[in-house]
Amino acid sequence: MTVWPGRLVPLAPDAEGLALAVAALESGSVVGVPTDTVYGLAVDPTHPGAVDQLFALKQRPTDVALPVLVDGPEHLSLVAGSLDSAARHLAERYWPGPLTLVVPRRRGFTVDLGGPRSSGQTVGVRWPDHDLVRRLCRSLGPLAVTSANLHGARPATSAQQVADAFEGSGALAVVLDGGRCEGIPSTVVECRGPAFRCLREGAIPWADLHGRDQPRPTPRTDR
């Protein structure tokens, strides 16, 4: 879907802008969205080819799985099974907010989000504290979202930065302007039963999750 044949212009998140974003996502295109951390690139993961297009646009290695954003427990149940004790405790404490939980997938959720073969058994999921992206989720269901930058570059903190970074790519159809998003990328935690481990320290300090006597997690990128 091409909204403008020329320069990519960030859209106001009004009714018209949201309608264009929804239409772009439904067509399988990539949309730039503000979140409670930084700007993201979103696709409908159930649309054939959309996830591949997002990997190509970002130039992101496909061995790093994409996380999914949801809006509440109903959406969570579409991609993940019932949360085990550790995941449930962390979700109750930090959601909505900047915490991505890597948990077992719901059996019927077979969408390929990238990553190693073992990642087909799990999904990284987050309930963001940002009304605009949650409204998109309410319209379309869970969205695959990654930070809005070329792989290895700094995440965009404004809609114009997103538009400038991907100008002329053709795959990015719409950028919604939600103002400055200067948060820190989410903390990523893998949960299995009562156990959990921090895969990437982000907005939530590792010490708050593990205790100050625990070893610092190995750095991970792009979630």
C-alpha atoms as a PDB file:
ATOM      1  CA  MET A   1       0.000   0.000   0.000  1.00  0.00           C
ATOM      2  CA  THR A   2       1.421   3.381  -0.991  1.00  0.00           C
ATOM      3  CA  VAL A   3      -0.244   6.299   0.753  1.00  0.00           C
ATOM      4  CA  TRP A   4       2.023   8.925  -0.838  1.00  0.00           C
ATOM      5  CA  PRO A   5       3.872   8.360  -4.095  1.00  0.00           C
ATOM      6  CA  GLY A   6       6.368  11.012  -2.999  1.00  0.00           C
ATOM      7  CA  ARG A   7       7.793  12.012   0.367  1.00  0.00           C
ATOM      8  CA  LEU A   8       6.709  10.041   3.427  1.00  0.00           C
ATOM      9  CA  VAL A   9       4.917  12.466   5.772  1.00  0.00           C
ATOM     10  CA  PRO A  10       4.090  11.610   9.408  1.00  0.00           C
ATOM     11  CA  LEU A  11       0.341  11.559  10.055  1.00  0.00           C
ATOM     12  CA  ALA A  12      -1.545  13.019  12.976  1.00  0.00           C
ATOM     13  CA  PRO A  13      -3.085  10.229  15.094  1.00  0.00           C
ATOM     14  CA  ASP A  14      -6.608  11.470  14.438  1.00  0.00           C
ATOM     15  CA  ALA A  15      -9.461   9.394  13.027  1.00  0.00           C
ATOM     16  CA  GLU A  16      -8.187   9.752   9.452  1.00  0.00           C
ATOM     17  CA  GLY A  17      -4.593   8.932  10.377  1.00  0.00           C
ATOM     18  CA  LEU A  18      -5.633   5.878  12.393  1.00  0.00           C
ATOM     19  CA  ALA A  19      -7.868   4.675   9.567  1.00  0.00           C
ATOM     20  CA  LEU A  20      -4.956   4.903   7.111  1.00  0.00           C
ATOM     21  CA  ALA A  21      -2.693   3.047   9.529  1.00  0.00           C
ATOM     22  CA  VAL A  22      -5.252   0.276  10.015  1.00  0.00           C
ATOM     23  CA  ALA A  23      -5.739  -0.030   6.246  1.00  0.00           C
ATOM     24  CA  ALA A  24      -1.980  -0.228   5.717  1.00  0.00           C
ATOM     25  CA  LEU A  25      -1.583  -2.942   8.352  1.00  0.00           C
ATOM     26  CA  GLU A  26      -4.516  -4.902   6.907  1.00  0.00           C
ATOM     27  CA  SER A  27      -2.800  -4.783   3.499  1.00  0.00           C
ATOM     28  CA  GLY A  28       0.421  -6.252   4.923  1.00  0.00           C
ATOM     29  CA  SER A  29       2.417  -3.003   4.928  1.00  0.00           C
ATOM     30  CA  VAL A  30       4.664  -1.700   7.696  1.00  0.00           C
ATOM     31  CA  VAL A  31       3.495   1.195   9.885  1.00  0.00           C
ATOM     32  CA  GLY A  32       5.590   3.414  12.140  1.00  0.00           C
ATOM     33  CA  VAL A  33       3.985   3.779  15.566  1.00  0.00           C
ATOM     34  CA  PRO A  34       4.751   5.598  18.820  1.00  0.00           C
ATOM     35  CA  THR A  35       4.991   3.494  21.984  1.00  0.00           C
ATOM     36  CA  ASP A  36       5.691   4.063  25.653  1.00  0.00           C
ATOM     37  CA  THR A  37       9.389   3.386  25.019  1.00  0.00           C
ATOM     38  CA  VAL A  38      10.574   4.412  21.524  1.00  0.00           C
ATOM     39  CA  TYR A  39       9.035   4.465  18.050  1.00  0.00           C
ATOM     40  CA  GLY A  40       8.335   1.076  16.539  1.00  0.00           C
ATOM     41  CA  LEU A  41       7.733  -0.591  13.181  1.00  0.00           C
ATOM     42  CA  ALA A  42       4.538  -2.644  13.243  1.00  0.00           C
ATOM     43  CA  VAL A  43       2.933  -5.295  11.058  1.00  0.00           C
ATOM     44  CA  ASP A  44      -0.012  -7.648  11.322  1.00  0.00           C
ATOM     45  CA  PRO A  45       1.886 -10.919  11.892  1.00  0.00           C
ATOM     46  CA  THR A  46      -0.982 -12.999  10.500  1.00  0.00           C
ATOM     47  CA  HIS A  47      -0.830 -11.297   7.082  1.00  0.00           C
ATOM     48  CA  PRO A  48       1.228 -13.442   4.638  1.00  0.00           C
ATOM     49  CA  GLY A  49       4.598 -11.863   3.955  1.00  0.00           C
ATOM     50  CA  ALA A  50       4.244  -8.991   6.423  1.00  0.00           C
ATOM     51  CA  VAL A  51       6.823 -10.298   8.896  1.00  0.00           C
ATOM     52  CA  ASP A  52       9.308 -10.960   6.084  1.00  0.00           C
ATOM     53  CA  GLN A  53       8.768  -7.418   4.834  1.00  0.00           C
ATOM     54  CA  LEU A  54       9.491  -6.016   8.290  1.00  0.00           C
ATOM     55  CA  PHE A  55      12.731  -7.987   8.596  1.00  0.00           C
ATOM     56  CA  ALA A  56      13.809  -6.762   5.152  1.00  0.00           C
ATOM     57  CA  LEU A  57      12.930  -3.128   5.860  1.00  0.00           C
ATOM     58  CA  LYS A  58      14.833  -3.068   9.130  1.00  0.00           C
ATOM     59  CA  GLN A  59      17.700  -5.187   7.703  1.00  0.00           C
ATOM     60  CA  ARG A  60      17.355  -7.253  10.846  1.00  0.00           C
ATOM     61  CA  PRO A  61      18.747 -10.798  11.010  1.00  0.00           C
ATOM     62  CA  THR A  62      15.920 -13.311  10.941  1.00  0.00           C
ATOM     63  CA  ASP A  63      17.529 -15.318  13.740  1.00  0.00           C
ATOM     64  CA  VAL A  64      16.280 -12.699  16.239  1.00  0.00           C
ATOM     65  CA  ALA A  65      12.543 -13.251  16.784  1.00  0.00           C
ATOM     66  CA  LEU A  66      10.083 -10.369  16.726  1.00  0.00           C
ATOM     67  CA  PRO A  67       8.030  -9.612  19.841  1.00  0.00           C
ATOM     68  CA  VAL A  68       4.281  -9.017  19.809  1.00  0.00           C
ATOM     69  CA  LEU A  69       2.312  -6.144  21.364  1.00  0.00           C
ATOM     70  CA  VAL A  70      -1.124  -6.796  22.851  1.00  0.00           C
ATOM     71  CA  ASP A  71      -3.866  -4.822  24.537  1.00  0.00           C
ATOM     72  CA  GLY A  72      -4.855  -6.777  27.599  1.00  0.00           C
ATOM     73  CA  PRO A  73      -5.541 -10.368  28.660  1.00  0.00           C
ATOM     74  CA  GLU A  74      -7.876 -11.176  25.760  1.00  0.00           C
ATOM     75  CA  HIS A  75      -5.170 -10.435  23.215  1.00  0.00           C
ATOM     76  CA  LEU A  76      -2.568 -12.204  25.329  1.00  0.00           C
ATOM     77  CA  SER A  77      -4.640 -15.383  25.189  1.00  0.00           C
ATOM     78  CA  LEU A  78      -4.453 -15.312  21.375  1.00  0.00           C
ATOM     79  CA  VAL A  79      -0.668 -15.723  21.320  1.00  0.00           C
ATOM     80  CA  ALA A  80       0.253 -17.318  24.669  1.00  0.00           C
ATOM     81  CA  GLY A  81      -1.190 -19.918  26.982  1.00  0.00           C
ATOM     82  CA  SER A  82      -1.957 -19.282  30.622  1.00  0.00           C
ATOM     83  CA  LEU A  83       0.967 -17.518  32.256  1.00  0.00           C
ATOM     84  CA  ASP A  84       2.961 -19.526  34.771  1.00  0.00           C
ATOM     85  CA  SER A  85       3.660 -18.122  38.219  1.00  0.00           C
ATOM     86  CA  ALA A  86       6.762 -16.058  37.428  1.00  0.00           C
ATOM     87  CA  ALA A  87       5.290 -14.528  34.271  1.00  0.00           C
ATOM     88  CA  ARG A  88       1.983 -13.831  35.988  1.00  0.00           C
ATOM     89  CA  HIS A  89       3.722 -12.081  38.895  1.00  0.00           C
ATOM     90  CA  LEU A  90       5.805  -9.891  36.585  1.00  0.00           C
ATOM     91  CA  ALA A  91       2.837  -9.077  34.340  1.00  0.00           C
ATOM     92  CA  GLU A  92       0.731  -8.024  37.317  1.00  0.00           C
ATOM     93  CA  ARG A  93       3.573  -5.865  38.580  1.00  0.00           C
ATOM     94  CA  TYR A  94       4.751  -4.176  35.372  1.00  0.00           C
ATOM     95  CA  TRP A  95       1.967  -4.322  32.745  1.00  0.00           C
ATOM     96  CA  PRO A  96       1.015  -2.194  30.988  1.00  0.00           C
ATOM     97  CA  GLY A  97       4.584  -1.015  30.704  1.00  0.00           C
ATOM     98  CA  PRO A  98       8.106  -1.571  29.320  1.00  0.00           C
ATOM     99  CA  LEU A  99       8.448  -5.295  30.024  1.00  0.00           C
ATOM    100  CA  THR A 100       8.586  -7.985  27.328  1.00  0.00           C
ATOM    101  CA  LEU A 101       7.890 -11.491  28.618  1.00  0.00           C
ATOM    102  CA  VAL A 102       9.114 -14.494  26.631  1.00  0.00           C
ATOM    103  CA  VAL A 103       6.588 -17.221  27.443  1.00  0.00           C
ATOM    104  CA  PRO A 104       5.279 -20.456  25.906  1.00  0.00           C
ATOM    105  CA  ARG A 105       3.111 -19.933  22.833  1.00  0.00           C
ATOM    106  CA  ARG A 106      -0.547 -20.776  22.604  1.00  0.00           C
ATOM    107  CA  ARG A 107      -0.716 -24.055  20.708  1.00  0.00           C
ATOM    108  CA  GLY A 108      -2.697 -22.598  17.798  1.00  0.00           C
ATOM    109  CA  PHE A 109      -0.447 -19.572  17.349  1.00  0.00           C
ATOM    110  CA  THR A 110       1.932 -20.776  14.637  1.00  0.00           C
ATOM    111  CA  VAL A 111       2.925 -17.469  13.047  1.00  0.00           C
ATOM    112  CA  ASP A 112       6.607 -17.363  12.054  1.00  0.00           C
ATOM    113  CA  LEU A 113       8.154 -14.410  13.919  1.00  0.00           C
ATOM    114  CA  GLY A 114      11.729 -15.332  13.053  1.00  0.00           C
ATOM    115  CA  GLY A 115      14.345 -16.606  15.452  1.00  0.00           C
ATOM    116  CA  PRO A 116      15.922 -20.050  15.880  1.00  0.00           C
ATOM    117  CA  ARG A 117      13.774 -23.154  15.585  1.00  0.00           C
ATOM    118  CA  SER A 118      13.347 -23.302  19.352  1.00  0.00           C
ATOM    119  CA  SER A 119      11.671 -19.885  19.322  1.00  0.00           C
ATOM    120  CA  GLY A 120       8.661 -21.466  17.623  1.00  0.00           C
ATOM    121  CA  GLN A 121       7.685 -22.733  21.069  1.00  0.00           C
ATOM    122  CA  THR A 122       7.751 -19.292  22.697  1.00  0.00           C
ATOM    123  CA  VAL A 123       6.650 -15.737  22.013  1.00  0.00           C
ATOM    124  CA  GLY A 124       7.893 -12.413  23.320  1.00  0.00           C
ATOM    125  CA  VAL A 125       4.842 -10.406  24.336  1.00  0.00           C
ATOM    126  CA  ARG A 126       4.284  -6.950  25.830  1.00  0.00           C
ATOM    127  CA  TRP A 127       1.289  -4.877  26.894  1.00  0.00           C
ATOM    128  CA  PRO A 128       2.448  -1.298  26.233  1.00  0.00           C
ATOM    129  CA  ASP A 129       1.370   1.732  28.239  1.00  0.00           C
ATOM    130  CA  HIS A 130       0.475   3.836  25.192  1.00  0.00           C
ATOM    131  CA  ASP A 131      -3.104   4.404  24.082  1.00  0.00           C
ATOM    132  CA  LEU A 132      -2.402   4.906  20.371  1.00  0.00           C
ATOM    133  CA  VAL A 133      -0.671   1.598  19.705  1.00  0.00           C
ATOM    134  CA  ARG A 134      -3.196  -0.152  21.949  1.00  0.00           C
ATOM    135  CA  ARG A 135      -5.998   1.292  19.809  1.00  0.00           C
ATOM    136  CA  LEU A 136      -4.353  -0.275  16.764  1.00  0.00           C
ATOM    137  CA  CYS A 137      -4.194  -3.598  18.602  1.00  0.00           C
ATOM    138  CA  ARG A 138      -7.881  -3.295  19.475  1.00  0.00           C
ATOM    139  CA  SER A 139      -8.665  -2.796  15.783  1.00  0.00           C
ATOM    140  CA  LEU A 140      -6.449  -5.556  14.403  1.00  0.00           C
ATOM    141  CA  GLY A 141      -5.341  -7.883  17.183  1.00  0.00           C
ATOM    142  CA  PRO A 142      -1.767  -8.512  18.370  1.00  0.00           C
ATOM    143  CA  LEU A 143       0.898  -6.706  16.324  1.00  0.00           C
ATOM    144  CA  ALA A 144       4.501  -7.695  15.672  1.00  0.00           C
ATOM    145  CA  VAL A 145       6.535  -4.603  16.555  1.00  0.00           C
ATOM    146  CA  THR A 146      10.243  -3.841  16.696  1.00  0.00           C
ATOM    147  CA  SER A 147      12.107  -0.603  17.294  1.00  0.00           C
ATOM    148  CA  ALA A 148      12.030   1.843  14.375  1.00  0.00           C
ATOM    149  CA  ASN A 149      15.612   1.885  13.169  1.00  0.00           C
ATOM    150  CA  LEU A 150      17.900   0.019  10.839  1.00  0.00           C
ATOM    151  CA  HIS A 151      19.410  -2.933  12.647  1.00  0.00           C
ATOM    152  CA  GLY A 152      22.237  -1.744  14.875  1.00  0.00           C
ATOM    153  CA  ALA A 153      21.278   1.945  14.714  1.00  0.00           C
ATOM    154  CA  ARG A 154      19.759   4.002  17.521  1.00  0.00           C
ATOM    155  CA  PRO A 155      15.963   3.736  17.862  1.00  0.00           C
ATOM    156  CA  ALA A 156      13.956   6.663  16.534  1.00  0.00           C
ATOM    157  CA  THR A 157      12.389   8.959  19.106  1.00  0.00           C
ATOM    158  CA  SER A 158      10.239  11.049  16.738  1.00  0.00           C
ATOM    159  CA  ALA A 159       7.943  10.336  13.805  1.00  0.00           C
ATOM    160  CA  GLN A 160      10.106  12.439  11.515  1.00  0.00           C
ATOM    161  CA  GLN A 161      13.181  10.385  12.386  1.00  0.00           C
ATOM    162  CA  VAL A 162      11.253   7.263  11.381  1.00  0.00           C
ATOM    163  CA  ALA A 163      10.166   8.815   8.084  1.00  0.00           C
ATOM    164  CA  ASP A 164      13.693  10.042   7.335  1.00  0.00           C
ATOM    165  CA  ALA A 165      15.312   6.678   8.185  1.00  0.00           C
ATOM    166  CA  PHE A 166      13.098   4.741   5.779  1.00  0.00           C
ATOM    167  CA  GLU A 167      12.319   7.365   3.127  1.00  0.00           C
ATOM    168  CA  GLY A 168      12.019   5.793  -0.283  1.00  0.00           C
ATOM    169  CA  SER A 169      11.909   2.208   0.987  1.00  0.00           C
ATOM    170  CA  GLY A 170       8.369   1.630  -0.279  1.00  0.00           C
ATOM    171  CA  ALA A 171       7.555  -0.854   2.484  1.00  0.00           C
ATOM    172  CA  LEU A 172       6.808   1.759   5.143  1.00  0.00           C
ATOM    173  CA  ALA A 173       3.349   3.049   4.226  1.00  0.00           C
ATOM    174  CA  VAL A 174       2.408   5.231   7.213  1.00  0.00           C
ATOM    175  CA  VAL A 175       4.063   6.853  10.229  1.00  0.00           C
ATOM    176  CA  LEU A 176       1.786   8.008  13.045  1.00  0.00           C
ATOM    177  CA  ASP A 177       3.078  11.050  14.913  1.00  0.00           C
ATOM    178  CA  GLY A 178       2.653  10.596  18.657  1.00  0.00           C
ATOM    179  CA  GLY A 179       5.171  13.245  19.685  1.00  0.00           C
ATOM    180  CA  ARG A 180       8.509  12.468  21.284  1.00  0.00           C
ATOM    181  CA  CYS A 181       9.057   8.905  22.500  1.00  0.00           C
ATOM    182  CA  GLU A 182      12.282   9.098  24.449  1.00  0.00           C
ATOM    183  CA  GLY A 183      11.901   6.111  26.725  1.00  0.00           C
ATOM    184  CA  ILE A 184      14.325   3.223  27.094  1.00  0.00           C
ATOM    185  CA  PRO A 185      13.586  -0.008  25.177  1.00  0.00           C
ATOM    186  CA  SER A 186      11.765  -2.648  27.176  1.00  0.00           C
ATOM    187  CA  THR A 187      13.411  -5.103  29.511  1.00  0.00           C
ATOM    188  CA  VAL A 188      13.136  -8.666  28.147  1.00  0.00           C
ATOM    189  CA  VAL A 189      12.564 -11.561  30.549  1.00  0.00           C
ATOM    190  CA  GLU A 190      12.180 -15.251  29.729  1.00  0.00           C
ATOM    191  CA  CYS A 191       9.801 -17.102  32.054  1.00  0.00           C
ATOM    192  CA  ARG A 192       9.486 -20.855  32.539  1.00  0.00           C
ATOM    193  CA  GLY A 193       7.285 -21.996  35.400  1.00  0.00           C
ATOM    194  CA  PRO A 194       8.468 -20.364  38.619  1.00  0.00           C
ATOM    195  CA  ALA A 195      11.856 -19.443  37.120  1.00  0.00           C
ATOM    196  CA  PHE A 196      12.800 -16.438  35.042  1.00  0.00           C
ATOM    197  CA  ARG A 197      15.927 -14.868  33.622  1.00  0.00           C
ATOM    198  CA  CYS A 198      16.652 -11.450  32.193  1.00  0.00           C
ATOM    199  CA  LEU A 199      17.636 -11.564  28.511  1.00  0.00           C
ATOM    200  CA  ARG A 200      18.031  -7.816  28.097  1.00  0.00           C
ATOM    201  CA  GLU A 201      18.141  -5.012  30.595  1.00  0.00           C
ATOM    202  CA  GLY A 202      16.056  -2.032  29.531  1.00  0.00           C
ATOM    203  CA  ALA A 203      13.629   0.396  31.110  1.00  0.00           C
ATOM    204  CA  ILE A 204      13.178  -1.836  34.167  1.00  0.00           C
ATOM    205  CA  PRO A 205      16.555  -2.288  35.920  1.00  0.00           C
ATOM    206  CA  TRP A 206      17.803  -5.856  36.170  1.00  0.00           C
ATOM    207  CA  ALA A 207      18.286  -5.423  39.916  1.00  0.00           C
ATOM    208  CA  ASP A 208      14.567  -4.751  40.373  1.00  0.00           C
ATOM    209  CA  LEU A 209      13.778  -8.087  38.726  1.00  0.00           C
ATOM    210  CA  HIS A 210      16.554 -10.334  40.021  1.00  0.00           C
ATOM    211  CA  GLY A 211      17.834  -8.712  43.169  1.00  0.00           C
ATOM    212  CA  ARG A 212      21.095  -6.867  43.458  1.00  0.00           C
ATOM    213  CA  ASP A 213      23.124  -9.990  44.247  1.00  0.00           C
ATOM    214  CA  GLN A 214      22.317 -11.626  40.903  1.00  0.00           C
ATOM    215  CA  PRO A 215      24.694 -11.515  37.901  1.00  0.00           C
ATOM    216  CA  ARG A 216      23.987  -8.904  35.237  1.00  0.00           C
ATOM    217  CA  PRO A 217      22.229 -10.380  32.166  1.00  0.00           C
ATOM    218  CA  THR A 218      24.025 -10.864  28.876  1.00  0.00           C
ATOM    219  CA  PRO A 219      23.146  -7.927  26.584  1.00  0.00           C
ATOM    220  CA  ARG A 220      20.620  -8.681  23.831  1.00  0.00           C
ATOM    221  CA  THR A 221      19.395  -6.357  21.090  1.00  0.00           C
ATOM    222  CA  ASP A 222      16.269  -5.522  19.103  1.00  0.00           C
ATOM    223  CA  ARG A 223      13.157  -6.434  21.007  1.00  0.00           C
END
